[in-house]
Amino acid sequence: MIDLALFVVGSILLLMSSILSLIGAVGFLRFRNFFLRLHPATVGSIGGGVYALIGIALLTASLDIPDYVKYYVVGVSIISAALIVFASPTGSHILARAAYRSRETRPEPIIRDKLKEAGVA
């Protein structure tokens, strides 16, 4: 019974992962500039990657395979998901800050630039 529940939840997470990856890809193509495109890129990496890895971990835990294989795949999936959760927002923030400071791209549409007002830029 637990195996069936793990299988269903893992399958739902994989389906959600594919939907979020598609949303991220479409958003990446539809938005106009670099700063607006950072958000769907992060949604695609976190939603598409992390949900898929957790879904794979749950699916693997529900299978009838040797325990050492099961624990290996579950462990690697969970560690990879944790690394993506911590690295992806940090990386996109670093990219946005570097692009803003180098003035390679313009943040348009911009209503109020609080970084420029504070003298940080």
PDB file of N, CA and C in Angstrom:
ATOM      1  N   MET A   1       0.819  -1.196   0.000  1.00  0.00           N
ATOM      2  CA  MET A   1       0.000   0.000   0.000  1.00  0.00           C
ATOM      3  C   MET A   1       0.864   1.262   0.000  1.00  0.00           C
ATOM      4  N   ILE A   2       1.923   1.263   0.814  1.00  0.00           N
ATOM      5  CA  ILE A   2       2.839   2.407   0.840  1.00  0.00           C
ATOM      6  C   ILE A   2       3.541   2.535  -0.507  1.00  0.00           C
ATOM      7  N   ASP A   3       3.911   1.402  -1.112  1.00  0.00           N
ATOM      8  CA  ASP A   3       4.587   1.446  -2.407  1.00  0.00           C
ATOM      9  C   ASP A   3       3.708   2.094  -3.469  1.00  0.00           C
ATOM     10  N   LEU A   4       2.422   1.786  -3.432  1.00  0.00           N
ATOM     11  CA  LEU A   4       1.498   2.386  -4.393  1.00  0.00           C
ATOM     12  C   LEU A   4       1.383   3.892  -4.171  1.00  0.00           C
ATOM     13  N   ALA A   5       1.316   4.312  -2.914  1.00  0.00           N
ATOM     14  CA  ALA A   5       1.237   5.747  -2.609  1.00  0.00           C
ATOM     15  C   ALA A   5       2.506   6.467  -3.060  1.00  0.00           C
ATOM     16  N   LEU A   6       3.677   5.876  -2.803  1.00  0.00           N
ATOM     17  CA  LEU A   6       4.933   6.481  -3.254  1.00  0.00           C
ATOM     18  C   LEU A   6       4.979   6.575  -4.774  1.00  0.00           C
ATOM     19  N   PHE A   7       4.488   5.547  -5.437  1.00  0.00           N
ATOM     20  CA  PHE A   7       4.479   5.535  -6.899  1.00  0.00           C
ATOM     21  C   PHE A   7       3.564   6.631  -7.448  1.00  0.00           C
ATOM     22  N   VAL A   8       2.388   6.784  -6.868  1.00  0.00           N
ATOM     23  CA  VAL A   8       1.438   7.800  -7.346  1.00  0.00           C
ATOM     24  C   VAL A   8       1.985   9.206  -7.102  1.00  0.00           C
ATOM     25  N   VAL A   9       2.515   9.459  -5.896  1.00  0.00           N
ATOM     26  CA  VAL A   9       3.057  10.779  -5.589  1.00  0.00           C
ATOM     27  C   VAL A   9       4.269  11.085  -6.474  1.00  0.00           C
ATOM     28  N   GLY A  10       5.135  10.100  -6.691  1.00  0.00           N
ATOM     29  CA  GLY A  10       6.289  10.282  -7.573  1.00  0.00           C
ATOM     30  C   GLY A  10       5.873  10.578  -9.004  1.00  0.00           C
ATOM     31  N   SER A  11       4.834   9.899  -9.480  1.00  0.00           N
ATOM     32  CA  SER A  11       4.337  10.148 -10.835  1.00  0.00           C
ATOM     33  C   SER A  11       3.734  11.540 -10.951  1.00  0.00           C
ATOM     34  N   ILE A  12       3.011  11.976  -9.925  1.00  0.00           N
ATOM     35  CA  ILE A  12       2.442  13.328  -9.937  1.00  0.00           C
ATOM     36  C   ILE A  12       3.553  14.376  -9.945  1.00  0.00           C
ATOM     37  N   LEU A  13       4.610  14.145  -9.167  1.00  0.00           N
ATOM     38  CA  LEU A  13       5.733  15.088  -9.159  1.00  0.00           C
ATOM     39  C   LEU A  13       6.433  15.142 -10.514  1.00  0.00           C
ATOM     40  N   LEU A  14       6.555  14.017 -11.174  1.00  0.00           N
ATOM     41  CA  LEU A  14       7.160  14.023 -12.511  1.00  0.00           C
ATOM     42  C   LEU A  14       6.283  14.765 -13.514  1.00  0.00           C
ATOM     43  N   LEU A  15       4.968  14.615 -13.393  1.00  0.00           N
ATOM     44  CA  LEU A  15       4.061  15.347 -14.271  1.00  0.00           C
ATOM     45  C   LEU A  15       4.140  16.846 -14.003  1.00  0.00           C
ATOM     46  N   MET A  16       4.156  17.233 -12.726  1.00  0.00           N
ATOM     47  CA  MET A  16       4.301  18.646 -12.377  1.00  0.00           C
ATOM     48  C   MET A  16       5.630  19.198 -12.884  1.00  0.00           C
ATOM     49  N   SER A  17       6.663  18.388 -12.817  1.00  0.00           N
ATOM     50  CA  SER A  17       7.976  18.798 -13.288  1.00  0.00           C
ATOM     51  C   SER A  17       7.955  19.103 -14.782  1.00  0.00           C
ATOM     52  N   SER A  18       7.302  18.252 -15.548  1.00  0.00           N
ATOM     53  CA  SER A  18       7.245  18.497 -16.993  1.00  0.00           C
ATOM     54  C   SER A  18       6.430  19.740 -17.308  1.00  0.00           C
ATOM     55  N   ILE A  19       5.351  19.973 -16.559  1.00  0.00           N
ATOM     56  CA  ILE A  19       4.541  21.166 -16.788  1.00  0.00           C
ATOM     57  C   ILE A  19       5.332  22.423 -16.435  1.00  0.00           C
ATOM     58  N   LEU A  20       6.036  22.413 -15.304  1.00  0.00           N
ATOM     59  CA  LEU A  20       6.819  23.581 -14.908  1.00  0.00           C
ATOM     60  C   LEU A  20       7.996  23.830 -15.857  1.00  0.00           C
ATOM     61  N   SER A  21       8.575  22.780 -16.382  1.00  0.00           N
ATOM     62  CA  SER A  21       9.639  22.962 -17.381  1.00  0.00           C
ATOM     63  C   SER A  21       9.093  23.617 -18.641  1.00  0.00           C
ATOM     64  N   LEU A  22       7.908  23.202 -19.054  1.00  0.00           N
ATOM     65  CA  LEU A  22       7.285  23.800 -20.228  1.00  0.00           C
ATOM     66  C   LEU A  22       6.933  25.263 -19.978  1.00  0.00           C
ATOM     67  N   ILE A  23       6.391  25.565 -18.798  1.00  0.00           N
ATOM     68  CA  ILE A  23       6.066  26.948 -18.449  1.00  0.00           C
ATOM     69  C   ILE A  23       7.334  27.802 -18.427  1.00  0.00           C
ATOM     70  N   GLY A  24       8.406  27.265 -17.862  1.00  0.00           N
ATOM     71  CA  GLY A  24       9.667  27.998 -17.832  1.00  0.00           C
ATOM     72  C   GLY A  24      10.215  28.259 -19.221  1.00  0.00           C
ATOM     73  N   ALA A  25      10.120  27.280 -20.104  1.00  0.00           N
ATOM     74  CA  ALA A  25      10.624  27.458 -21.470  1.00  0.00           C
ATOM     75  C   ALA A  25       9.801  28.487 -22.235  1.00  0.00           C
ATOM     76  N   VAL A  26       8.487  28.419 -22.107  1.00  0.00           N
ATOM     77  CA  VAL A  26       7.630  29.386 -22.807  1.00  0.00           C
ATOM     78  C   VAL A  26       7.852  30.790 -22.242  1.00  0.00           C
ATOM     79  N   GLY A  27       7.957  30.901 -20.925  1.00  0.00           N
ATOM     80  CA  GLY A  27       8.212  32.204 -20.314  1.00  0.00           C
ATOM     81  C   GLY A  27       9.556  32.770 -20.722  1.00  0.00           C
ATOM     82  N   PHE A  28      10.538  31.905 -20.841  1.00  0.00           N
ATOM     83  CA  PHE A  28      11.866  32.350 -21.263  1.00  0.00           C
ATOM     84  C   PHE A  28      11.834  32.920 -22.677  1.00  0.00           C
ATOM     85  N   LEU A  29      11.029  32.333 -23.528  1.00  0.00           N
ATOM     86  CA  LEU A  29      10.929  32.819 -24.901  1.00  0.00           C
ATOM     87  C   LEU A  29      10.048  34.056 -25.017  1.00  0.00           C
ATOM     88  N   ARG A  30       9.064  34.191 -24.153  1.00  0.00           N
ATOM     89  CA  ARG A  30       8.100  35.284 -24.280  1.00  0.00           C
ATOM     90  C   ARG A  30       8.562  36.597 -23.650  1.00  0.00           C
ATOM     91  N   PHE A  31       9.338  36.538 -22.577  1.00  0.00           N
ATOM     92  CA  PHE A  31       9.727  37.776 -21.913  1.00  0.00           C
ATOM     93  C   PHE A  31      10.760  38.524 -22.743  1.00  0.00           C
ATOM     94  N   ARG A  32      10.806  39.853 -22.531  1.00  0.00           N
ATOM     95  CA  ARG A  32      11.557  40.720 -23.431  1.00  0.00           C
ATOM     96  C   ARG A  32      13.034  40.847 -23.116  1.00  0.00           C
ATOM     97  N   ASN A  33      13.397  41.025 -21.858  1.00  0.00           N
ATOM     98  CA  ASN A  33      14.798  41.327 -21.582  1.00  0.00           C
ATOM     99  C   ASN A  33      15.399  40.334 -20.588  1.00  0.00           C
ATOM    100  N   PHE A  34      16.650  40.541 -20.324  1.00  0.00           N
ATOM    101  CA  PHE A  34      17.422  39.609 -19.497  1.00  0.00           C
ATOM    102  C   PHE A  34      16.852  39.468 -18.101  1.00  0.00           C
ATOM    103  N   PHE A  35      16.517  40.570 -17.476  1.00  0.00           N
ATOM    104  CA  PHE A  35      16.059  40.537 -16.090  1.00  0.00           C
ATOM    105  C   PHE A  35      14.699  39.854 -15.964  1.00  0.00           C
ATOM    106  N   LEU A  36      13.840  40.047 -16.937  1.00  0.00           N
ATOM    107  CA  LEU A  36      12.544  39.371 -16.915  1.00  0.00           C
ATOM    108  C   LEU A  36      12.689  37.885 -17.213  1.00  0.00           C
ATOM    109  N   ARG A  37      13.680  37.515 -17.994  1.00  0.00           N
ATOM    110  CA  ARG A  37      13.877  36.105 -18.341  1.00  0.00           C
ATOM    111  C   ARG A  37      14.516  35.291 -17.222  1.00  0.00           C
ATOM    112  N   LEU A  38      15.083  35.955 -16.236  1.00  0.00           N
ATOM    113  CA  LEU A  38      15.691  35.213 -15.125  1.00  0.00           C
ATOM    114  C   LEU A  38      14.656  34.431 -14.323  1.00  0.00           C
ATOM    115  N   HIS A  39      13.471  34.987 -14.172  1.00  0.00           N
ATOM    116  CA  HIS A  39      12.454  34.312 -13.368  1.00  0.00           C
ATOM    117  C   HIS A  39      11.999  32.985 -13.990  1.00  0.00           C
ATOM    118  N   PRO A  40      11.580  32.945 -15.269  1.00  0.00           N
ATOM    119  CA  PRO A  40      11.186  31.642 -15.808  1.00  0.00           C
ATOM    120  C   PRO A  40      12.349  30.654 -15.904  1.00  0.00           C
ATOM    121  N   ALA A  41      13.563  31.156 -16.050  1.00  0.00           N
ATOM    122  CA  ALA A  41      14.709  30.237 -16.062  1.00  0.00           C
ATOM    123  C   ALA A  41      14.870  29.568 -14.704  1.00  0.00           C
ATOM    124  N   THR A  42      14.658  30.331 -13.638  1.00  0.00           N
ATOM    125  CA  THR A  42      14.745  29.762 -12.295  1.00  0.00           C
ATOM    126  C   THR A  42      13.568  28.846 -12.013  1.00  0.00           C
ATOM    127  N   VAL A  43      12.379  29.207 -12.487  1.00  0.00           N
ATOM    128  CA  VAL A  43      11.210  28.334 -12.322  1.00  0.00           C
ATOM    129  C   VAL A  43      11.445  27.007 -13.035  1.00  0.00           C
ATOM    130  N   GLY A  44      12.008  27.086 -14.227  1.00  0.00           N
ATOM    131  CA  GLY A  44      12.286  25.860 -14.965  1.00  0.00           C
ATOM    132  C   GLY A  44      13.326  24.985 -14.295  1.00  0.00           C
ATOM    133  N   SER A  45      14.344  25.600 -13.725  1.00  0.00           N
ATOM    134  CA  SER A  45      15.389  24.785 -13.097  1.00  0.00           C
ATOM    135  C   SER A  45      14.936  24.222 -11.758  1.00  0.00           C
ATOM    136  N   ILE A  46      14.259  25.026 -10.957  1.00  0.00           N
ATOM    137  CA  ILE A  46      13.826  24.522  -9.650  1.00  0.00           C
ATOM    138  C   ILE A  46      12.610  23.625  -9.814  1.00  0.00           C
ATOM    139  N   GLY A  47      11.586  24.115 -10.479  1.00  0.00           N
ATOM    140  CA  GLY A  47      10.386  23.301 -10.641  1.00  0.00           C
ATOM    141  C   GLY A  47      10.619  22.090 -11.523  1.00  0.00           C
ATOM    142  N   GLY A  48      11.333  22.303 -12.607  1.00  0.00           N
ATOM    143  CA  GLY A  48      11.572  21.193 -13.526  1.00  0.00           C
ATOM    144  C   GLY A  48      12.604  20.207 -13.036  1.00  0.00           C
ATOM    145  N   GLY A  49      13.602  20.687 -12.327  1.00  0.00           N
ATOM    146  CA  GLY A  49      14.665  19.794 -11.874  1.00  0.00           C
ATOM    147  C   GLY A  49      14.416  19.159 -10.525  1.00  0.00           C
ATOM    148  N   VAL A  50      14.025  19.963  -9.561  1.00  0.00           N
ATOM    149  CA  VAL A  50      13.873  19.466  -8.188  1.00  0.00           C
ATOM    150  C   VAL A  50      12.681  18.537  -8.076  1.00  0.00           C
ATOM    151  N   TYR A  51      11.550  18.929  -8.657  1.00  0.00           N
ATOM    152  CA  TYR A  51      10.383  18.051  -8.586  1.00  0.00           C
ATOM    153  C   TYR A  51      10.651  16.723  -9.287  1.00  0.00           C
ATOM    154  N   ALA A  52      11.367  16.775 -10.394  1.00  0.00           N
ATOM    155  CA  ALA A  52      11.690  15.537 -11.100  1.00  0.00           C
ATOM    156  C   ALA A  52      12.598  14.641 -10.265  1.00  0.00           C
ATOM    157  N   LEU A  53      13.586  15.223  -9.628  1.00  0.00           N
ATOM    158  CA  LEU A  53      14.498  14.415  -8.814  1.00  0.00           C
ATOM    159  C   LEU A  53      13.805  13.813  -7.592  1.00  0.00           C
ATOM    160  N   ILE A  54      12.934  14.575  -6.961  1.00  0.00           N
ATOM    161  CA  ILE A  54      12.200  14.025  -5.824  1.00  0.00           C
ATOM    162  C   ILE A  54      11.217  12.959  -6.296  1.00  0.00           C
ATOM    163  N   GLY A  55      10.591  13.193  -7.453  1.00  0.00           N
ATOM    164  CA  GLY A  55       9.701  12.177  -8.021  1.00  0.00           C
ATOM    165  C   GLY A  55      10.444  10.890  -8.362  1.00  0.00           C
ATOM    166  N   ILE A  56      11.646  11.009  -8.901  1.00  0.00           N
ATOM    167  CA  ILE A  56      12.452   9.820  -9.205  1.00  0.00           C
ATOM    168  C   ILE A  56      12.835   9.090  -7.926  1.00  0.00           C
ATOM    169  N   ALA A  57      13.145   9.860  -6.878  1.00  0.00           N
ATOM    170  CA  ALA A  57      13.475   9.235  -5.598  1.00  0.00           C
ATOM    171  C   ALA A  57      12.287   8.458  -5.057  1.00  0.00           C
ATOM    172  N   LEU A  58      11.096   9.031  -5.136  1.00  0.00           N
ATOM    173  CA  LEU A  58       9.909   8.335  -4.641  1.00  0.00           C
ATOM    174  C   LEU A  58       9.563   7.123  -5.500  1.00  0.00           C
ATOM    175  N   LEU A  59       9.696   7.273  -6.811  1.00  0.00           N
ATOM    176  CA  LEU A  59       9.430   6.129  -7.690  1.00  0.00           C
ATOM    177  C   LEU A  59      10.414   4.988  -7.430  1.00  0.00           C
ATOM    178  N   THR A  60      11.661   5.332  -7.231  1.00  0.00           N
ATOM    179  CA  THR A  60      12.670   4.310  -6.962  1.00  0.00           C
ATOM    180  C   THR A  60      12.411   3.634  -5.619  1.00  0.00           C
ATOM    181  N   ALA A  61      11.983   4.418  -4.633  1.00  0.00           N
ATOM    182  CA  ALA A  61      11.690   3.842  -3.327  1.00  0.00           C
ATOM    183  C   ALA A  61      10.514   2.875  -3.391  1.00  0.00           C
ATOM    184  N   SER A  62       9.621   3.057  -4.370  1.00  0.00           N
ATOM    185  CA  SER A  62       8.455   2.182  -4.476  1.00  0.00           C
ATOM    186  C   SER A  62       8.737   0.904  -5.266  1.00  0.00           C
ATOM    187  N   LEU A  63       9.855   0.831  -5.946  1.00  0.00           N
ATOM    188  CA  LEU A  63      10.148  -0.344  -6.779  1.00  0.00           C
ATOM    189  C   LEU A  63      10.673  -1.509  -5.959  1.00  0.00           C
ATOM    190  N   ASP A  64      10.535  -2.685  -6.523  1.00  0.00           N
ATOM    191  CA  ASP A  64      11.028  -3.899  -5.880  1.00  0.00           C
ATOM    192  C   ASP A  64      12.390  -4.251  -6.488  1.00  0.00           C
ATOM    193  N   ILE A  65      13.408  -3.525  -6.037  1.00  0.00           N
ATOM    194  CA  ILE A  65      14.776  -3.735  -6.499  1.00  0.00           C
ATOM    195  C   ILE A  65      15.664  -3.910  -5.277  1.00  0.00           C
ATOM    196  N   PRO A  66      16.907  -4.330  -5.460  1.00  0.00           N
ATOM    197  CA  PRO A  66      17.792  -4.492  -4.293  1.00  0.00           C
ATOM    198  C   PRO A  66      17.946  -3.179  -3.519  1.00  0.00           C
ATOM    199  N   ASP A  67      18.098  -3.311  -2.213  1.00  0.00           N
ATOM    200  CA  ASP A  67      18.124  -2.133  -1.347  1.00  0.00           C
ATOM    201  C   ASP A  67      19.294  -1.209  -1.629  1.00  0.00           C
ATOM    202  N   TYR A  68      20.467  -1.753  -1.938  1.00  0.00           N
ATOM    203  CA  TYR A  68      21.622  -0.882  -2.145  1.00  0.00           C
ATOM    204  C   TYR A  68      21.419   0.009  -3.369  1.00  0.00           C
ATOM    205  N   VAL A  69      20.768  -0.500  -4.398  1.00  0.00           N
ATOM    206  CA  VAL A  69      20.468   0.310  -5.581  1.00  0.00           C
ATOM    207  C   VAL A  69      19.429   1.369  -5.234  1.00  0.00           C
ATOM    208  N   LYS A  70      18.419   0.956  -4.489  1.00  0.00           N
ATOM    209  CA  LYS A  70      17.349   1.876  -4.098  1.00  0.00           C
ATOM    210  C   LYS A  70      17.896   3.032  -3.267  1.00  0.00           C
ATOM    211  N   TYR A  71      18.709   2.721  -2.261  1.00  0.00           N
ATOM    212  CA  TYR A  71      19.255   3.765  -1.395  1.00  0.00           C
ATOM    213  C   TYR A  71      20.221   4.675  -2.150  1.00  0.00           C
ATOM    214  N   TYR A  72      20.963   4.116  -3.076  1.00  0.00           N
ATOM    215  CA  TYR A  72      21.892   4.919  -3.863  1.00  0.00           C
ATOM    216  C   TYR A  72      21.145   5.935  -4.710  1.00  0.00           C
ATOM    217  N   VAL A  73      20.138   5.490  -5.450  1.00  0.00           N
ATOM    218  CA  VAL A  73      19.393   6.385  -6.335  1.00  0.00           C
ATOM    219  C   VAL A  73      18.628   7.433  -5.527  1.00  0.00           C
ATOM    220  N   VAL A  74      18.007   7.023  -4.426  1.00  0.00           N
ATOM    221  CA  VAL A  74      17.272   7.971  -3.586  1.00  0.00           C
ATOM    222  C   VAL A  74      18.225   9.003  -2.988  1.00  0.00           C
ATOM    223  N   GLY A  75      19.366   8.562  -2.499  1.00  0.00           N
ATOM    224  CA  GLY A  75      20.332   9.484  -1.900  1.00  0.00           C
ATOM    225  C   GLY A  75      20.885  10.472  -2.894  1.00  0.00           C
ATOM    226  N   VAL A  76      21.274   9.994  -4.057  1.00  0.00           N
ATOM    227  CA  VAL A  76      21.822  10.884  -5.086  1.00  0.00           C
ATOM    228  C   VAL A  76      20.761  11.873  -5.563  1.00  0.00           C
ATOM    229  N   SER A  77      19.524  11.417  -5.704  1.00  0.00           N
ATOM    230  CA  SER A  77      18.447  12.303  -6.148  1.00  0.00           C
ATOM    231  C   SER A  77      18.170  13.401  -5.135  1.00  0.00           C
ATOM    232  N   ILE A  78      18.109  13.051  -3.872  1.00  0.00           N
ATOM    233  CA  ILE A  78      17.823  14.045  -2.835  1.00  0.00           C
ATOM    234  C   ILE A  78      18.980  15.039  -2.699  1.00  0.00           C
ATOM    235  N   ILE A  79      20.204  14.562  -2.741  1.00  0.00           N
ATOM    236  CA  ILE A  79      21.359  15.469  -2.648  1.00  0.00           C
ATOM    237  C   ILE A  79      21.415  16.396  -3.861  1.00  0.00           C
ATOM    238  N   SER A  80      21.150  15.867  -5.048  1.00  0.00           N
ATOM    239  CA  SER A  80      21.136  16.699  -6.255  1.00  0.00           C
ATOM    240  C   SER A  80      20.035  17.748  -6.190  1.00  0.00           C
ATOM    241  N   ALA A  81      18.864  17.364  -5.694  1.00  0.00           N
ATOM    242  CA  ALA A  81      17.765  18.319  -5.559  1.00  0.00           C
ATOM    243  C   ALA A  81      18.132  19.430  -4.576  1.00  0.00           C
ATOM    244  N   ALA A  82      18.769  19.062  -3.468  1.00  0.00           N
ATOM    245  CA  ALA A  82      19.182  20.078  -2.488  1.00  0.00           C
ATOM    246  C   ALA A  82      20.210  21.031  -3.086  1.00  0.00           C
ATOM    247  N   LEU A  83      21.139  20.523  -3.858  1.00  0.00           N
ATOM    248  CA  LEU A  83      22.136  21.387  -4.495  1.00  0.00           C
ATOM    249  C   LEU A  83      21.489  22.356  -5.490  1.00  0.00           C
ATOM    250  N   ILE A  84      20.509  21.881  -6.238  1.00  0.00           N
ATOM    251  CA  ILE A  84      19.821  22.754  -7.187  1.00  0.00           C
ATOM    252  C   ILE A  84      19.039  23.828  -6.451  1.00  0.00           C
ATOM    253  N   VAL A  85      18.383  23.446  -5.337  1.00  0.00           N
ATOM    254  CA  VAL A  85      17.600  24.420  -4.571  1.00  0.00           C
ATOM    255  C   VAL A  85      18.491  25.536  -4.043  1.00  0.00           C
ATOM    256  N   PHE A  86      19.691  25.214  -3.621  1.00  0.00           N
ATOM    257  CA  PHE A  86      20.578  26.236  -3.074  1.00  0.00           C
ATOM    258  C   PHE A  86      21.340  26.994  -4.160  1.00  0.00           C
ATOM    259  N   ALA A  87      21.706  26.350  -5.245  1.00  0.00           N
ATOM    260  CA  ALA A  87      22.562  26.978  -6.245  1.00  0.00           C
ATOM    261  C   ALA A  87      21.804  27.806  -7.279  1.00  0.00           C
ATOM    262  N   SER A  88      20.623  27.399  -7.652  1.00  0.00           N
ATOM    263  CA  SER A  88      19.911  28.078  -8.731  1.00  0.00           C
ATOM    264  C   SER A  88      19.503  29.510  -8.386  1.00  0.00           C
ATOM    265  N   PRO A  89      18.863  29.772  -7.258  1.00  0.00           N
ATOM    266  CA  PRO A  89      18.540  31.175  -6.950  1.00  0.00           C
ATOM    267  C   PRO A  89      19.786  32.024  -6.720  1.00  0.00           C
ATOM    268  N   THR A  90      20.792  31.432  -6.121  1.00  0.00           N
ATOM    269  CA  THR A  90      22.029  32.165  -5.890  1.00  0.00           C
ATOM    270  C   THR A  90      22.686  32.536  -7.215  1.00  0.00           C
ATOM    271  N   GLY A  91      22.728  31.598  -8.124  1.00  0.00           N
ATOM    272  CA  GLY A  91      23.324  31.859  -9.432  1.00  0.00           C
ATOM    273  C   GLY A  91      22.566  32.903 -10.224  1.00  0.00           C
ATOM    274  N   SER A  92      21.240  32.841 -10.197  1.00  0.00           N
ATOM    275  CA  SER A  92      20.472  33.843 -10.939  1.00  0.00           C
ATOM    276  C   SER A  92      20.615  35.229 -10.305  1.00  0.00           C
ATOM    277  N   HIS A  93      20.721  35.289  -8.987  1.00  0.00           N
ATOM    278  CA  HIS A  93      20.937  36.577  -8.320  1.00  0.00           C
ATOM    279  C   HIS A  93      22.305  37.157  -8.695  1.00  0.00           C
ATOM    280  N   ILE A  94      23.316  36.320  -8.739  1.00  0.00           N
ATOM    281  CA  ILE A  94      24.653  36.774  -9.117  1.00  0.00           C
ATOM    282  C   ILE A  94      24.665  37.253 -10.568  1.00  0.00           C
ATOM    283  N   LEU A  95      23.979  36.529 -11.456  1.00  0.00           N
ATOM    284  CA  LEU A  95      23.895  36.962 -12.850  1.00  0.00           C
ATOM    285  C   LEU A  95      23.184  38.304 -12.982  1.00  0.00           C
ATOM    286  N   ALA A  96      22.077  38.481 -12.248  1.00  0.00           N
ATOM    287  CA  ALA A  96      21.339  39.743 -12.321  1.00  0.00           C
ATOM    288  C   ALA A  96      22.175  40.898 -11.787  1.00  0.00           C
ATOM    289  N   ARG A  97      22.861  40.675 -10.705  1.00  0.00           N
ATOM    290  CA  ARG A  97      23.689  41.743 -10.121  1.00  0.00           C
ATOM    291  C   ARG A  97      24.838  42.117 -11.060  1.00  0.00           C
ATOM    292  N   ALA A  98      25.484  41.107 -11.637  1.00  0.00           N
ATOM    293  CA  ALA A  98      26.594  41.386 -12.550  1.00  0.00           C
ATOM    294  C   ALA A  98      26.111  42.112 -13.804  1.00  0.00           C
ATOM    295  N   ALA A  99      24.963  41.717 -14.331  1.00  0.00           N
ATOM    296  CA  ALA A  99      24.432  42.387 -15.523  1.00  0.00           C
ATOM    297  C   ALA A  99      24.020  43.811 -15.205  1.00  0.00           C
ATOM    298  N   TYR A 100      23.468  44.048 -14.021  1.00  0.00           N
ATOM    299  CA  TYR A 100      23.062  45.406 -13.639  1.00  0.00           C
ATOM    300  C   TYR A 100      24.272  46.304 -13.437  1.00  0.00           C
ATOM    301  N   ARG A 101      25.270  45.789 -12.759  1.00  0.00           N
ATOM    302  CA  ARG A 101      26.448  46.610 -12.466  1.00  0.00           C
ATOM    303  C   ARG A 101      27.288  46.885 -13.713  1.00  0.00           C
ATOM    304  N   SER A 102      27.346  45.934 -14.630  1.00  0.00           N
ATOM    305  CA  SER A 102      28.146  46.144 -15.837  1.00  0.00           C
ATOM    306  C   SER A 102      27.411  46.998 -16.877  1.00  0.00           C
ATOM    307  N   ARG A 103      26.130  47.202 -16.671  1.00  0.00           N
ATOM    308  CA  ARG A 103      25.279  47.974 -17.559  1.00  0.00           C
ATOM    309  C   ARG A 103      25.234  47.397 -18.979  1.00  0.00           C
ATOM    310  N   GLU A 104      25.385  46.099 -19.074  1.00  0.00           N
ATOM    311  CA  GLU A 104      25.285  45.429 -20.369  1.00  0.00           C
ATOM    312  C   GLU A 104      23.833  45.390 -20.851  1.00  0.00           C
ATOM    313  N   THR A 105      22.913  45.223 -19.924  1.00  0.00           N
ATOM    314  CA  THR A 105      21.499  45.191 -20.269  1.00  0.00           C
ATOM    315  C   THR A 105      20.778  46.264 -19.482  1.00  0.00           C
ATOM    316  N   ARG A 106      19.694  46.738 -20.046  1.00  0.00           N
ATOM    317  CA  ARG A 106      18.897  47.746 -19.352  1.00  0.00           C
ATOM    318  C   ARG A 106      17.685  47.068 -18.730  1.00  0.00           C
ATOM    319  N   PRO A 107      17.421  47.353 -17.462  1.00  0.00           N
ATOM    320  CA  PRO A 107      16.229  46.779 -16.826  1.00  0.00           C
ATOM    321  C   PRO A 107      14.973  47.549 -17.243  1.00  0.00           C
ATOM    322  N   GLU A 108      14.340  47.103 -18.314  1.00  0.00           N
ATOM    323  CA  GLU A 108      13.142  47.769 -18.814  1.00  0.00           C
ATOM    324  C   GLU A 108      11.967  46.830 -18.719  1.00  0.00           C
ATOM    325  N   PRO A 109      10.817  47.214 -18.420  1.00  0.00           N
ATOM    326  CA  PRO A 109      10.401  48.547 -17.988  1.00  0.00           C
ATOM    327  C   PRO A 109      10.783  48.774 -16.535  1.00  0.00           C
ATOM    328  N   ILE A 110      11.276  49.947 -16.235  1.00  0.00           N
ATOM    329  CA  ILE A 110      11.675  50.274 -14.870  1.00  0.00           C
ATOM    330  C   ILE A 110      10.877  51.489 -14.408  1.00  0.00           C
ATOM    331  N   ILE A 111      10.311  51.375 -13.240  1.00  0.00           N
ATOM    332  CA  ILE A 111       9.524  52.464 -12.676  1.00  0.00           C
ATOM    333  C   ILE A 111      10.380  53.271 -11.707  1.00  0.00           C
ATOM    334  N   ARG A 112      11.069  52.557 -10.836  1.00  0.00           N
ATOM    335  CA  ARG A 112      11.896  53.233  -9.831  1.00  0.00           C
ATOM    336  C   ARG A 112      13.120  52.364  -9.581  1.00  0.00           C
ATOM    337  N   ASP A 113      14.291  52.945  -9.661  1.00  0.00           N
ATOM    338  CA  ASP A 113      15.541  52.218  -9.459  1.00  0.00           C
ATOM    339  C   ASP A 113      16.063  52.507  -8.053  1.00  0.00           C
ATOM    340  N   LYS A 114      15.714  51.643  -7.120  1.00  0.00           N
ATOM    341  CA  LYS A 114      16.103  51.856  -5.731  1.00  0.00           C
ATOM    342  C   LYS A 114      17.600  51.655  -5.518  1.00  0.00           C
ATOM    343  N   LEU A 115      18.217  50.814  -6.315  1.00  0.00           N
ATOM    344  CA  LEU A 115      19.669  50.631  -6.183  1.00  0.00           C
ATOM    345  C   LEU A 115      20.403  51.903  -6.588  1.00  0.00           C
ATOM    346  N   LYS A 116      19.952  52.546  -7.640  1.00  0.00           N
ATOM    347  CA  LYS A 116      20.586  53.785  -8.090  1.00  0.00           C
ATOM    348  C   LYS A 116      20.342  54.914  -7.092  1.00  0.00           C
ATOM    349  N   GLU A 117      19.132  54.967  -6.524  1.00  0.00           N
ATOM    350  CA  GLU A 117      18.828  55.983  -5.521  1.00  0.00           C
ATOM    351  C   GLU A 117      19.656  55.819  -4.261  1.00  0.00           C
ATOM    352  N   ALA A 118      19.954  54.560  -3.906  1.00  0.00           N
ATOM    353  CA  ALA A 118      20.742  54.306  -2.699  1.00  0.00           C
ATOM    354  C   ALA A 118      22.235  54.497  -2.942  1.00  0.00           C
ATOM    355  N   GLY A 119      22.629  54.657  -4.189  1.00  0.00           N
ATOM    356  CA  GLY A 119      24.029  54.855  -4.509  1.00  0.00           C
ATOM    357  C   GLY A 119      24.820  53.558  -4.577  1.00  0.00           C
ATOM    358  N   VAL A 120      24.141  52.444  -4.693  1.00  0.00           N
ATOM    359  CA  VAL A 120      24.815  51.141  -4.762  1.00  0.00           C
ATOM    360  C   VAL A 120      25.300  50.878  -6.180  1.00  0.00           C
ATOM    361  N   ALA A 121      24.556  51.332  -7.157  1.00  0.00           N
ATOM    362  CA  ALA A 121      24.889  51.016  -8.546  1.00  0.00           C
ATOM    363  C   ALA A 121      26.041  51.846  -9.056  1.00  0.00           C
TER     364      ALA A 121
END
